[in-house]
Amino acid sequence: MSPASPSPSRFDRLWLTEAIRLREEHAGPLEDAEANRRARAAGGDLAGRIEARALWLAERDGLTAALQRWRQGAGLALLGLLLLALLSGASLGFAALGDGQRPVNVFWALGSLLGLHLLSLGGWALGLAFAGDSGGTLGRLWLWLSAKLARDARAAQLAPALLLMLQRQRLARWGLGFVAHGLWLLALSSALVCLLALMATRRYDFLWETTLLGADTFVALTRTLGALPALLGFDLPAPGLIRASGNALPGGEAARQVWAGWLLGVLLVYGVLPRLLLALLCLCRWRRGRARLALDLSLPGYRLLAERLQPSSERLGVRDPAPTAVPKAQVDTAPAAAGGALLVGVELDDSRPWPPALPEGIADAGILDDREQRQRLLERLTRCPPAHLIIACDPRRSPDRGTLALLGELSRCAGQTRVWLLPPPPGEALDDARLGDWREALERLGLAHGTDAPLAWLETGHD
């Protein structure tokens, strides 16, 4: 099976490999004979072979397509959260200032703009310090929505595999943190733009009110909060203006502009800028950690694959001298090099002479009767795939699943394949119903077939 989709990125390869490991850990080993054979033929180190095996299994079982649907669901979930953040930020701006009919309590407005943001930021920082892998509530929500929108049962292991893979490099905190801080950044920026638009088109008066606290408390608080924005050029209310705003509505355009500048500066410095800096920090840490991602070959699931994908004999190399005489091999050898033409029979009885007279340049792989012969031929074809392959079958037998699976494996080891449904021996009739079963099964496999000898096609590559 050759993947039809584009080659996945390194990140996706590691992700799919981890998903296959989790699937086998929970549901038991997969049927992987062909995947192992192709991984061994691909060569490379053990990690590369494990990846090659997992990619083949993921393509065969639809996990690669499920990953694409998961990504689509993740994109839709992120788009929905971005729209929600945009609308929520605008709503915060409207709620903070109101319709302009009543004066604005500056500290109520500030609390509505920054209160939930500061609580979320504190929760993220505590999770980072004590839990060690905080992605934020919004980051976890995005991950959950992505899995829900994928709507594919085969994608069930993708989200857990992603988290496990990222946690080894402690990347979940940075990846999900980037999503969370990015959404908050959009919401607060939307609130800031909304405030600018409202203040530019409406007149707002600002005051503060209290029953328990004195004016000195509000003076100190206002001056403290405005100190950092003042460094960026925002207005800092004078103590007299702050006191006057608590006693009566200050008249004049200058007072309104000072309070408006103070409110915008505090939102920018304590809201927008921290989220921007944290989003950039998470992005940098994410990119650095992503480059270091690798398979953890010490996991039991990967250790079990070591002997199958990189046998000890292969790792040790040649240890004994070559024998002086080699036993004569059976007539089931494949072409010595890639390309060429090959004829092979599958479970043929002795009632017909075999092989037929073959033109020059066509190799005979004999008749496959047992599992050992099949595996030996498949190993050879994987290393040296022929350009043209004819598989001869006896249509008097039923097309069972084992035979059809073998035909599929053989066809994937050749450039082009045809199935030759042999005519019955003289004096015997062919069952039309069974022949129809063969044709239907081969059409499902996508294999060309016929009852006429395709030796001319095998020799020339065309009819």
Protein backbone atom coordinates (compact mmCIF):
# COMPACT_ATOMS: atom_id res chain seq x y z
CA MET A 1 0.00 0.00 0.00
CA SER A 2 1.57 3.23 -1.10
CA PRO A 3 0.20 6.31 0.61
CA ALA A 4 -1.84 8.51 -1.69
CA SER A 5 -1.69 11.55 0.56
CA PRO A 6 1.27 13.94 0.64
CA SER A 7 4.20 12.92 2.77
CA PRO A 8 3.46 13.97 6.38
CA SER A 9 5.71 16.37 8.21
CA ARG A 10 8.18 15.17 10.84
CA PHE A 11 5.81 16.29 13.59
CA ASP A 12 2.91 14.36 12.03
CA ARG A 13 5.08 11.27 11.61
CA LEU A 14 5.95 11.25 15.28
CA TRP A 15 2.31 11.93 16.17
CA LEU A 16 1.01 9.03 14.06
CA THR A 17 3.69 6.72 15.44
CA GLU A 18 2.65 7.53 18.98
CA ALA A 19 -1.02 7.04 18.08
CA ILE A 20 -0.28 3.59 16.63
CA ARG A 21 1.62 2.67 19.80
CA LEU A 22 -1.32 3.71 21.98
CA ARG A 23 -3.76 1.83 19.78
CA GLU A 24 -1.74 -1.38 20.02
CA GLU A 25 -1.31 -0.87 23.76
CA HIS A 26 -5.07 -0.71 24.30
CA ALA A 27 -6.43 -3.00 21.57
CA GLY A 28 -3.57 -5.45 21.05
CA PRO A 29 -1.02 -5.88 18.23
CA LEU A 30 -2.10 -5.03 14.70
CA GLU A 31 -1.62 -7.25 11.68
CA ASP A 32 1.72 -5.80 10.60
CA ALA A 33 3.60 -8.40 8.54
CA GLU A 34 3.67 -6.26 5.41
CA ALA A 35 4.38 -3.09 7.37
CA ASN A 36 7.36 -4.72 9.10
CA ARG A 37 8.68 -6.05 5.82
CA ARG A 38 8.52 -2.64 4.17
CA ALA A 39 10.11 -0.98 7.19
CA ARG A 40 13.02 -3.43 7.11
CA ALA A 41 13.44 -2.90 3.39
CA ALA A 42 13.52 0.88 3.90
CA GLY A 43 16.59 0.51 6.14
CA GLY A 44 17.84 3.16 8.50
CA ASP A 45 18.01 3.18 12.28
CA LEU A 46 15.41 1.66 14.57
CA ALA A 47 13.50 4.91 15.10
CA GLY A 48 13.19 5.42 11.34
CA ARG A 49 11.92 1.88 10.86
CA ILE A 50 9.36 2.26 13.64
CA GLU A 51 8.14 5.44 11.97
CA ALA A 52 7.96 3.76 8.54
CA ARG A 53 5.96 0.87 10.00
CA ALA A 54 3.57 3.20 11.82
CA LEU A 55 3.01 5.37 8.74
CA TRP A 56 2.14 2.35 6.63
CA LEU A 57 -0.29 1.06 9.26
CA ALA A 58 -1.80 4.52 9.71
CA GLU A 59 -2.39 4.83 5.96
CA ARG A 60 -3.85 1.33 5.74
CA ASP A 61 -6.19 1.76 8.70
CA GLY A 62 -7.32 5.28 7.83
CA LEU A 63 -5.52 6.99 10.69
CA THR A 64 -3.70 9.36 8.32
CA ALA A 65 -7.04 10.53 6.92
CA ALA A 66 -8.39 10.79 10.48
CA LEU A 67 -5.46 13.05 11.35
CA GLN A 68 -6.36 15.36 8.47
CA ARG A 69 -9.97 15.49 9.68
CA TRP A 70 -8.73 16.15 13.22
CA ARG A 71 -6.71 19.07 11.90
CA GLN A 72 -9.76 20.39 10.09
CA GLY A 73 -11.75 20.10 13.30
CA ALA A 74 -8.96 21.88 15.17
CA GLY A 75 -9.06 24.69 12.62
CA LEU A 76 -12.83 25.06 12.96
CA ALA A 77 -12.59 24.99 16.76
CA LEU A 78 -9.86 27.65 16.72
CA LEU A 79 -11.87 29.81 14.33
CA GLY A 80 -14.89 29.56 16.62
CA LEU A 81 -12.82 30.49 19.68
CA LEU A 82 -11.25 33.42 17.81
CA LEU A 83 -14.70 34.78 16.92
CA LEU A 84 -15.83 34.25 20.51
CA ALA A 85 -12.77 36.11 21.81
CA LEU A 86 -13.37 38.97 19.38
CA LEU A 87 -17.02 39.35 20.36
CA SER A 88 -16.26 38.90 24.08
CA GLY A 89 -13.64 41.65 23.98
CA ALA A 90 -16.01 44.03 22.24
CA SER A 91 -18.69 43.20 24.82
CA LEU A 92 -16.25 43.97 27.64
CA GLY A 93 -15.58 47.39 26.11
CA PHE A 94 -19.28 48.21 25.81
CA ALA A 95 -19.99 46.94 29.34
CA ALA A 96 -17.15 48.98 30.83
CA LEU A 97 -18.25 52.34 29.39
CA GLY A 98 -21.98 51.90 28.89
CA ASP A 99 -24.07 54.10 26.66
CA GLY A 100 -22.71 57.44 27.91
CA GLN A 101 -25.92 58.42 29.69
CA ARG A 102 -24.36 57.86 33.11
CA PRO A 103 -20.86 58.66 34.38
CA VAL A 104 -18.34 55.83 34.33
CA ASN A 105 -17.00 54.48 37.60
CA VAL A 106 -13.36 54.07 36.62
CA PHE A 107 -12.60 51.21 38.97
CA TRP A 108 -15.75 49.26 38.11
CA ALA A 109 -14.79 49.69 34.45
CA LEU A 110 -11.24 48.58 35.17
CA GLY A 111 -12.46 45.54 37.10
CA SER A 112 -14.77 44.45 34.27
CA LEU A 113 -11.95 44.84 31.73
CA LEU A 114 -9.13 43.15 33.66
CA GLY A 115 -10.75 41.06 36.40
CA LEU A 116 -11.31 37.78 34.54
CA HIS A 117 -8.07 38.26 32.61
CA LEU A 118 -6.03 38.57 35.83
CA LEU A 119 -7.78 35.53 37.39
CA SER A 120 -7.01 33.47 34.28
CA LEU A 121 -3.44 34.67 34.22
CA GLY A 122 -2.98 33.77 37.88
CA GLY A 123 -4.45 30.32 37.29
CA TRP A 124 -2.09 29.72 34.36
CA ALA A 125 0.92 30.81 36.42
CA LEU A 126 -0.08 28.57 39.36
CA GLY A 127 -0.61 25.63 37.03
CA LEU A 128 2.79 26.23 35.46
CA ALA A 129 4.47 26.41 38.85
CA PHE A 130 2.78 23.50 40.63
CA ALA A 131 1.16 21.26 38.00
CA GLY A 132 4.19 21.66 35.73
CA ASP A 133 2.20 21.40 32.50
CA SER A 134 -0.46 24.10 32.35
CA GLY A 135 -2.03 24.84 29.01
CA GLY A 136 -4.74 27.09 30.38
CA THR A 137 -8.49 26.52 30.32
CA LEU A 138 -8.83 27.93 26.82
CA GLY A 139 -6.06 25.69 25.51
CA ARG A 140 -7.73 22.59 26.95
CA LEU A 141 -11.08 23.74 25.61
CA TRP A 142 -9.62 24.07 22.13
CA LEU A 143 -8.16 20.56 22.33
CA TRP A 144 -11.49 19.13 23.48
CA LEU A 145 -13.44 20.90 20.73
CA SER A 146 -10.94 19.69 18.13
CA ALA A 147 -11.59 16.06 19.08
CA LYS A 148 -15.36 16.60 19.07
CA LEU A 149 -15.40 18.27 15.66
CA ALA A 150 -13.24 15.53 14.11
CA ARG A 151 -16.25 13.13 14.30
CA ASP A 152 -14.14 10.08 13.54
CA ALA A 153 -13.84 7.07 15.83
CA ARG A 154 -10.39 6.37 14.40
CA ALA A 155 -9.22 9.72 15.79
CA ALA A 156 -9.87 8.64 19.39
CA GLN A 157 -6.15 8.06 20.09
CA LEU A 158 -4.92 11.22 18.37
CA ALA A 159 -5.47 13.73 21.19
CA PRO A 160 -4.01 11.45 23.93
CA ALA A 161 -1.08 10.61 21.66
CA LEU A 162 -0.44 14.29 21.01
CA LEU A 163 -0.44 15.13 24.72
CA LEU A 164 1.81 12.21 25.63
CA MET A 165 4.27 13.10 22.88
CA LEU A 166 4.37 16.75 23.94
CA GLN A 167 4.65 16.05 27.64
CA ARG A 168 7.97 14.25 27.16
CA GLN A 169 9.52 17.56 26.17
CA ARG A 170 7.09 19.50 28.39
CA LEU A 171 5.69 21.11 25.28
CA ALA A 172 1.98 20.88 26.10
CA ARG A 173 2.27 23.89 28.42
CA TRP A 174 3.81 25.99 25.65
CA GLY A 175 1.64 24.85 22.76
CA LEU A 176 -1.67 25.11 24.60
CA GLY A 177 -0.40 28.18 26.42
CA PHE A 178 0.21 29.91 23.09
CA VAL A 179 -3.40 29.19 22.10
CA ALA A 180 -4.74 30.46 25.43
CA HIS A 181 -2.65 33.65 25.51
CA GLY A 182 -3.37 34.29 21.84
CA LEU A 183 -7.13 34.14 22.46
CA TRP A 184 -6.84 36.45 25.47
CA LEU A 185 -4.66 38.81 23.45
CA LEU A 186 -7.35 39.01 20.76
CA ALA A 187 -10.10 39.58 23.34
CA LEU A 188 -8.22 42.35 25.15
CA SER A 189 -7.15 43.98 21.90
CA SER A 190 -10.78 43.93 20.77
CA ALA A 191 -11.78 45.58 24.06
CA LEU A 192 -9.08 48.22 23.59
CA VAL A 193 -10.24 49.01 20.05
CA CYS A 194 -13.84 49.16 21.26
CA LEU A 195 -12.87 51.62 24.01
CA LEU A 196 -11.06 53.79 21.48
CA ALA A 197 -14.06 53.77 19.15
CA LEU A 198 -16.54 54.62 21.93
CA MET A 199 -14.39 57.36 23.42
CA ALA A 200 -13.88 58.87 19.99
CA THR A 201 -17.61 59.05 19.25
CA ARG A 202 -19.23 59.62 22.67
CA ARG A 203 -18.62 61.82 25.69
CA TYR A 204 -17.95 60.02 28.97
CA ASP A 205 -17.52 61.49 32.44
CA PHE A 206 -15.45 59.53 34.98
CA LEU A 207 -15.74 59.25 38.75
CA TRP A 208 -15.02 56.94 41.65
CA GLU A 209 -17.29 56.15 44.58
CA THR A 210 -16.76 54.64 48.02
CA THR A 211 -18.35 54.35 51.43
CA LEU A 212 -15.60 52.68 53.44
CA LEU A 213 -12.35 53.91 51.88
CA GLY A 214 -10.91 57.37 51.97
CA ALA A 215 -9.83 59.57 49.09
CA ASP A 216 -6.14 58.97 49.84
CA THR A 217 -6.58 55.27 49.07
CA PHE A 218 -7.93 56.01 45.60
CA VAL A 219 -5.26 58.59 44.97
CA ALA A 220 -2.50 56.12 45.83
CA LEU A 221 -4.12 53.29 43.84
CA THR A 222 -4.70 55.44 40.78
CA ARG A 223 -1.15 56.81 40.83
CA THR A 224 0.35 53.35 41.34
CA LEU A 225 -1.59 51.76 38.49
CA GLY A 226 -0.81 54.68 36.19
CA ALA A 227 2.94 54.74 36.85
CA LEU A 228 3.89 52.18 34.18
CA PRO A 229 1.49 53.51 31.51
CA ALA A 230 2.90 56.99 32.20
CA LEU A 231 6.31 55.71 31.09
CA LEU A 232 4.75 54.98 27.70
CA GLY A 233 3.26 58.48 27.44
CA PHE A 234 -0.23 57.95 28.83
CA ASP A 235 -1.77 60.60 31.05
CA LEU A 236 -1.46 60.24 34.84
CA PRO A 237 -4.23 62.05 36.78
CA ALA A 238 -3.02 64.61 39.29
CA PRO A 239 -3.99 64.06 42.97
CA GLY A 240 -6.33 67.05 42.87
CA LEU A 241 -8.16 65.71 39.84
CA ILE A 242 -8.51 62.30 41.49
CA ARG A 243 -9.98 63.83 44.67
CA ALA A 244 -12.35 66.00 42.67
CA SER A 245 -13.63 62.97 40.76
CA GLY A 246 -14.74 61.43 44.05
CA ASN A 247 -16.65 64.49 45.25
CA ALA A 248 -18.46 65.67 42.14
CA LEU A 249 -18.36 65.30 38.39
CA PRO A 250 -15.35 67.23 37.17
CA GLY A 251 -16.28 69.57 34.43
CA GLY A 252 -14.16 70.21 31.45
CA GLU A 253 -12.77 68.38 28.53
CA ALA A 254 -9.26 68.09 29.96
CA ALA A 255 -10.40 65.95 32.91
CA ARG A 256 -12.27 63.54 30.64
CA GLN A 257 -9.23 63.14 28.39
CA VAL A 258 -6.90 62.45 31.34
CA TRP A 259 -9.15 59.72 32.75
CA ALA A 260 -9.68 58.22 29.31
CA GLY A 261 -5.93 58.10 28.69
CA TRP A 262 -5.34 56.54 32.13
CA LEU A 263 -7.95 53.83 31.51
CA LEU A 264 -6.57 52.99 28.05
CA GLY A 265 -2.99 52.90 29.35
CA VAL A 266 -3.84 50.57 32.25
CA LEU A 267 -5.68 48.19 29.89
CA LEU A 268 -2.77 48.18 27.48
CA VAL A 269 0.01 47.72 30.08
CA TYR A 270 -1.70 45.24 32.41
CA GLY A 271 -3.84 43.45 29.86
CA VAL A 272 -2.65 43.47 26.27
CA LEU A 273 1.12 43.61 26.74
CA PRO A 274 1.41 40.71 29.25
CA ARG A 275 -0.61 38.44 26.97
CA LEU A 276 1.46 39.49 23.97
CA LEU A 277 4.75 38.79 25.75
CA LEU A 278 3.53 35.45 27.13
CA ALA A 279 2.23 34.40 23.71
CA LEU A 280 5.63 35.18 22.16
CA LEU A 281 7.40 33.31 24.97
CA CYS A 282 5.19 30.24 24.48
CA LEU A 283 5.75 30.37 20.72
CA CYS A 284 9.54 30.51 21.09
CA ARG A 285 9.61 27.67 23.60
CA TRP A 286 7.25 25.65 21.40
CA ARG A 287 9.46 25.98 18.35
CA ARG A 288 12.62 25.12 20.25
CA GLY A 289 11.07 22.09 21.94
CA ARG A 290 9.39 20.86 18.76
CA ALA A 291 12.77 20.63 17.05
CA ARG A 292 13.93 18.24 19.81
CA LEU A 293 10.97 15.87 19.60
CA ALA A 294 11.92 12.21 19.09
CA LEU A 295 10.58 8.75 19.80
CA ASP A 296 11.19 7.35 23.26
CA LEU A 297 12.64 3.96 22.30
CA SER A 298 12.68 2.86 25.94
CA LEU A 299 8.88 2.44 25.94
CA PRO A 300 7.78 -1.22 26.06
CA GLY A 301 5.80 -0.95 22.82
CA TYR A 302 8.86 0.18 20.90
CA ARG A 303 11.21 -2.27 22.57
CA LEU A 304 9.01 -5.15 21.37
CA LEU A 305 9.41 -3.91 17.78
CA ALA A 306 13.21 -3.85 17.90
CA GLU A 307 13.73 -7.53 17.09
CA ARG A 308 11.12 -7.56 14.32
CA LEU A 309 12.31 -4.40 12.60
CA GLN A 310 16.05 -4.65 13.26
CA PRO A 311 16.87 -8.32 13.88
CA SER A 312 20.01 -9.23 15.79
CA SER A 313 21.55 -10.88 12.74
CA GLU A 314 21.15 -7.65 10.82
CA ARG A 315 22.58 -5.52 13.59
CA LEU A 316 25.57 -7.78 14.11
CA GLY A 317 26.37 -8.16 10.44
CA VAL A 318 28.23 -11.14 8.90
CA ARG A 319 30.01 -13.18 11.55
CA ASP A 320 30.78 -16.54 9.86
CA PRO A 321 32.71 -17.16 6.62
CA ALA A 322 30.71 -18.07 3.53
CA PRO A 323 30.25 -21.85 2.99
CA THR A 324 32.21 -23.54 0.22
CA ALA A 325 29.06 -24.96 -1.33
CA VAL A 326 25.58 -23.50 -1.41
CA PRO A 327 22.51 -25.74 -1.72
CA LYS A 328 20.56 -25.34 -4.93
CA ALA A 329 17.68 -22.93 -4.42
CA GLN A 330 14.10 -23.70 -5.33
CA VAL A 331 12.57 -22.09 -8.38
CA ASP A 332 10.96 -19.21 -6.51
CA THR A 333 13.58 -16.54 -6.94
CA ALA A 334 12.65 -12.98 -7.81
CA PRO A 335 14.53 -10.81 -10.32
CA ALA A 336 18.00 -9.86 -9.18
CA ALA A 337 17.34 -6.17 -9.63
CA ALA A 338 14.35 -3.88 -9.56
CA GLY A 339 12.31 -3.82 -12.77
CA GLY A 340 11.76 -6.62 -15.23
CA ALA A 341 8.87 -9.08 -15.40
CA LEU A 342 7.84 -11.90 -13.10
CA LEU A 343 5.33 -14.74 -13.15
CA VAL A 344 4.15 -16.43 -9.95
CA GLY A 345 1.49 -19.05 -9.26
CA VAL A 346 -0.64 -19.19 -6.12
CA GLU A 347 -1.77 -22.57 -4.76
CA LEU A 348 -1.82 -24.41 -8.09
CA ASP A 349 -2.24 -28.19 -8.07
CA ASP A 350 -0.36 -30.77 -10.11
CA SER A 351 -3.11 -31.25 -12.72
CA ARG A 352 -1.52 -28.73 -15.07
CA PRO A 353 2.08 -28.35 -16.27
CA TRP A 354 3.89 -25.40 -14.75
CA PRO A 355 5.48 -23.09 -15.61
CA PRO A 356 4.28 -22.40 -19.16
CA ALA A 357 6.78 -21.56 -21.88
CA LEU A 358 8.06 -18.10 -21.03
CA PRO A 359 9.63 -15.56 -23.36
CA GLU A 360 13.19 -14.54 -22.65
CA GLY A 361 13.58 -12.00 -19.88
CA ILE A 362 10.62 -13.19 -17.83
CA ALA A 363 11.47 -14.75 -14.47
CA ASP A 364 9.48 -17.55 -12.85
CA ALA A 365 8.91 -17.28 -9.10
CA GLY A 366 7.39 -20.76 -8.90
CA ILE A 367 4.23 -21.71 -7.02
CA LEU A 368 3.45 -20.36 -3.57
CA ASP A 369 1.97 -23.08 -1.39
CA ASP A 370 2.94 -22.24 2.19
CA ARG A 371 3.53 -19.26 4.44
CA GLU A 372 7.31 -19.55 4.34
CA GLN A 373 7.41 -19.35 0.55
CA ARG A 374 5.08 -16.37 0.58
CA GLN A 375 7.13 -14.45 3.11
CA ARG A 376 10.39 -15.21 1.33
CA LEU A 377 9.03 -13.97 -1.99
CA LEU A 378 7.46 -10.88 -0.44
CA GLU A 379 10.76 -9.98 1.21
CA ARG A 380 12.53 -10.24 -2.14
CA LEU A 381 9.90 -8.28 -4.03
CA THR A 382 9.97 -5.55 -1.41
CA ARG A 383 13.71 -5.14 -1.96
CA CYS A 384 13.58 -5.54 -5.77
CA PRO A 385 10.07 -4.76 -7.05
CA PRO A 386 9.40 -5.94 -10.65
CA ALA A 387 7.95 -3.57 -13.18
CA HIS A 388 5.36 -6.13 -14.31
CA LEU A 389 3.91 -8.99 -12.33
CA ILE A 390 1.46 -11.73 -13.30
CA ILE A 391 -0.18 -13.76 -10.56
CA ALA A 392 -1.68 -17.00 -11.79
CA CYS A 393 -4.66 -18.32 -9.77
CA ASP A 394 -6.90 -21.34 -10.12
CA PRO A 395 -10.51 -20.04 -10.32
CA ARG A 396 -11.79 -23.47 -9.33
CA ARG A 397 -10.83 -22.58 -5.76
CA SER A 398 -12.83 -20.10 -3.73
CA PRO A 399 -11.32 -16.61 -3.43
CA ASP A 400 -10.81 -16.74 0.35
CA ARG A 401 -9.62 -13.77 2.38
CA GLY A 402 -6.11 -15.14 2.84
CA THR A 403 -5.57 -15.53 -0.90
CA LEU A 404 -7.01 -12.09 -1.64
CA ALA A 405 -4.79 -10.53 1.04
CA LEU A 406 -1.76 -12.19 -0.55
CA LEU A 407 -2.74 -10.87 -3.99
CA GLY A 408 -3.00 -7.39 -2.51
CA GLU A 409 0.43 -7.64 -0.91
CA LEU A 410 2.04 -8.97 -4.08
CA SER A 411 0.45 -6.25 -6.20
CA ARG A 412 1.80 -3.55 -3.89
CA CYS A 413 5.31 -4.89 -4.49
CA ALA A 414 5.19 -4.36 -8.27
CA GLY A 415 4.81 -1.49 -10.65
CA GLN A 416 1.88 -3.08 -12.51
CA THR A 417 0.05 -6.30 -11.72
CA ARG A 418 -2.41 -8.55 -13.50
CA VAL A 419 -4.15 -11.66 -12.25
CA TRP A 420 -4.36 -14.59 -14.63
CA LEU A 421 -7.39 -16.77 -13.97
CA LEU A 422 -6.22 -20.04 -15.44
CA PRO A 423 -8.51 -22.11 -17.66
CA PRO A 424 -9.52 -25.51 -16.27
CA PRO A 425 -7.65 -28.66 -17.34
CA PRO A 426 -9.04 -30.47 -20.42
CA GLY A 427 -12.30 -32.25 -19.69
CA GLU A 428 -13.27 -30.02 -16.75
CA ALA A 429 -15.78 -27.16 -16.77
CA LEU A 430 -15.37 -23.87 -14.93
CA ASP A 431 -18.11 -22.83 -12.52
CA ASP A 432 -19.46 -19.50 -13.78
CA ALA A 433 -20.66 -18.48 -10.30
CA ARG A 434 -17.22 -19.04 -8.75
CA LEU A 435 -15.57 -17.23 -11.66
CA GLY A 436 -17.94 -14.33 -10.99
CA ASP A 437 -16.88 -14.35 -7.32
CA TRP A 438 -13.24 -14.07 -8.40
CA ARG A 439 -13.94 -11.20 -10.74
CA GLU A 440 -15.96 -9.32 -8.14
CA ALA A 441 -13.25 -9.78 -5.51
CA LEU A 442 -10.47 -8.69 -7.86
CA GLU A 443 -12.42 -5.63 -8.91
CA ARG A 444 -12.75 -4.65 -5.26
CA LEU A 445 -8.97 -4.94 -4.99
CA GLY A 446 -8.54 -2.86 -8.12
CA LEU A 447 -6.55 -5.60 -9.91
CA ALA A 448 -6.70 -6.14 -13.64
CA HIS A 449 -7.58 -9.76 -14.49
CA GLY A 450 -8.54 -12.08 -17.31
CA THR A 451 -8.64 -15.70 -18.42
CA ASP A 452 -6.38 -15.28 -21.46
CA ALA A 453 -2.64 -15.73 -20.99
CA PRO A 454 -1.16 -12.20 -20.55
CA LEU A 455 2.38 -13.27 -21.38
CA ALA A 456 2.68 -10.71 -24.18
CA TRP A 457 1.83 -7.94 -21.70
CA LEU A 458 4.33 -9.39 -19.25
CA GLU A 459 7.05 -9.27 -21.89
CA THR A 460 6.34 -5.87 -23.48
CA GLY A 461 4.33 -3.98 -20.86
CA HIS A 462 1.34 -3.53 -23.19
CA ASP A 463 -1.16 -5.73 -24.96
